[in-house]
Every structure is written in C-alpha cells, then in structure tokens.
C-alpha cells in the first residue's frame, strides 16, 4: 500500500465544500491505496472534481500544510 495526499483549492477557505465538510486549503486528506489509479478512483468517488491535487509521498511535504491531516482513508487490497 502507498500513501497519497489530496489538497484543496483556496475557495474552500470561504465556501463550503460540496461533498466533504472537512475540506480546507490549509490541510490535506491522506489516502492509503494500492496505487495512484486506485487513489484517484476513490478521491473522485468522495470528492468528484472538487479538489486540487493528488500527491505521492515522495512529492509531498506535510510541513507546508498548517492544518495538517484533515482525514485519512485506508483501502484494503479487496477494495
């Protein structure tokens, strides 16, 4: 399993997110999935197109996000 990080646009600082009330541009959603394709599928199922980026663990620095982890979703191999 791999770790991926989903970030949100600045508009969610003021506007409510349409599908996930914890979304905020100063934080991120952690997704644990088999691969990036699975992470994208589950992100789309949860957030539709209402997110900014999905990062791999190598490309993400958690220290840059003041609010830290807003949530965590872990998928099993059977998902």
Protein backbone atom coordinates (compact mmCIF):
# COMPACT_ATOMS: atom_id res chain seq x y z
CA UNK A 1 0.00 0.00 0.00
CA UNK A 2 1.11 3.54 -0.74
CA UNK A 3 0.29 6.92 0.79
CA UNK A 4 -1.21 9.75 -1.27
CA UNK A 5 -2.20 13.26 -0.26
CA UNK A 6 -5.18 15.21 -1.61
CA UNK A 7 -5.24 19.01 -1.36
CA UNK A 8 -8.00 21.56 -1.80
CA UNK A 9 -8.39 24.90 -3.56
CA UNK A 10 -8.36 28.24 -1.76
CA UNK A 11 -12.04 28.80 -2.47
CA UNK A 12 -12.80 26.25 0.28
CA UNK A 13 -11.40 28.68 2.83
CA UNK A 14 -14.64 30.67 2.46
CA UNK A 15 -17.04 28.37 0.59
CA UNK A 16 -18.34 25.08 1.93
CA UNK A 17 -17.07 22.05 0.04
CA UNK A 18 -19.96 20.38 -1.82
CA UNK A 19 -19.20 16.80 -0.70
CA UNK A 20 -16.79 16.81 2.28
CA UNK A 21 -17.25 19.34 5.07
CA UNK A 22 -13.68 18.95 6.40
CA UNK A 23 -12.06 20.22 3.18
CA UNK A 24 -9.79 23.24 3.71
CA UNK A 25 -6.86 24.64 1.70
CA UNK A 26 -4.54 24.58 4.73
CA UNK A 27 -4.88 20.83 5.17
CA UNK A 28 -4.90 17.58 3.26
CA UNK A 29 -6.71 14.27 3.04
CA UNK A 30 -4.49 11.19 3.32
CA UNK A 31 -5.40 8.21 1.14
CA UNK A 32 -3.76 4.83 1.60
CA UNK A 33 -4.25 2.77 -1.56
CA UNK A 34 -2.62 0.12 -3.71
CA UNK A 35 -1.56 2.61 -6.40
CA UNK A 36 -2.23 6.07 -7.81
CA UNK A 37 -5.04 4.77 -10.03
CA UNK A 38 -6.91 3.43 -7.00
CA UNK A 39 -6.26 6.65 -5.08
CA UNK A 40 -7.70 8.66 -7.98
CA UNK A 41 -10.80 6.46 -8.20
CA UNK A 42 -11.56 6.77 -4.50
CA UNK A 43 -10.82 10.51 -4.47
CA UNK A 44 -13.23 11.00 -7.38
CA UNK A 45 -15.87 8.90 -5.63
CA UNK A 46 -15.60 11.01 -2.46
CA UNK A 47 -14.88 14.47 -3.85
CA UNK A 48 -15.90 14.34 -7.54
CA UNK A 49 -13.70 17.02 -9.13
CA UNK A 50 -13.68 19.27 -6.06
CA UNK A 51 -10.01 19.02 -5.08
CA UNK A 52 -6.73 20.47 -6.33
CA UNK A 53 -4.08 17.75 -6.50
CA UNK A 54 -3.22 14.21 -5.52
CA UNK A 55 0.41 13.93 -4.47
CA UNK A 56 2.60 10.88 -3.95
CA UNK A 57 4.51 10.54 -0.71
CA UNK A 58 7.76 11.48 -2.48
CA UNK A 59 6.26 14.73 -3.81
CA UNK A 60 4.55 15.97 -0.66
CA UNK A 61 5.83 17.85 2.37
CA UNK A 62 3.29 17.67 5.21
CA UNK A 63 5.02 20.56 7.00
CA UNK A 64 3.72 23.01 4.37
CA UNK A 65 0.09 22.42 5.41
CA UNK A 66 -0.64 24.28 8.67
CA UNK A 67 -3.92 22.47 9.40
CA UNK A 68 -2.27 19.10 8.80
CA UNK A 69 -4.18 15.93 8.11
CA UNK A 70 -7.92 16.59 7.86
CA UNK A 71 -8.83 12.95 7.41
CA UNK A 72 -7.46 9.55 6.46
CA UNK A 73 -8.94 6.82 4.31
CA UNK A 74 -7.29 3.45 4.02
CA UNK A 75 -8.40 0.91 1.46
CA UNK A 76 -7.73 -2.79 1.70
CA UNK A 77 -6.44 -4.87 -1.19
CA UNK A 78 -10.02 -6.08 -1.71
CA UNK A 79 -11.42 -2.56 -2.24
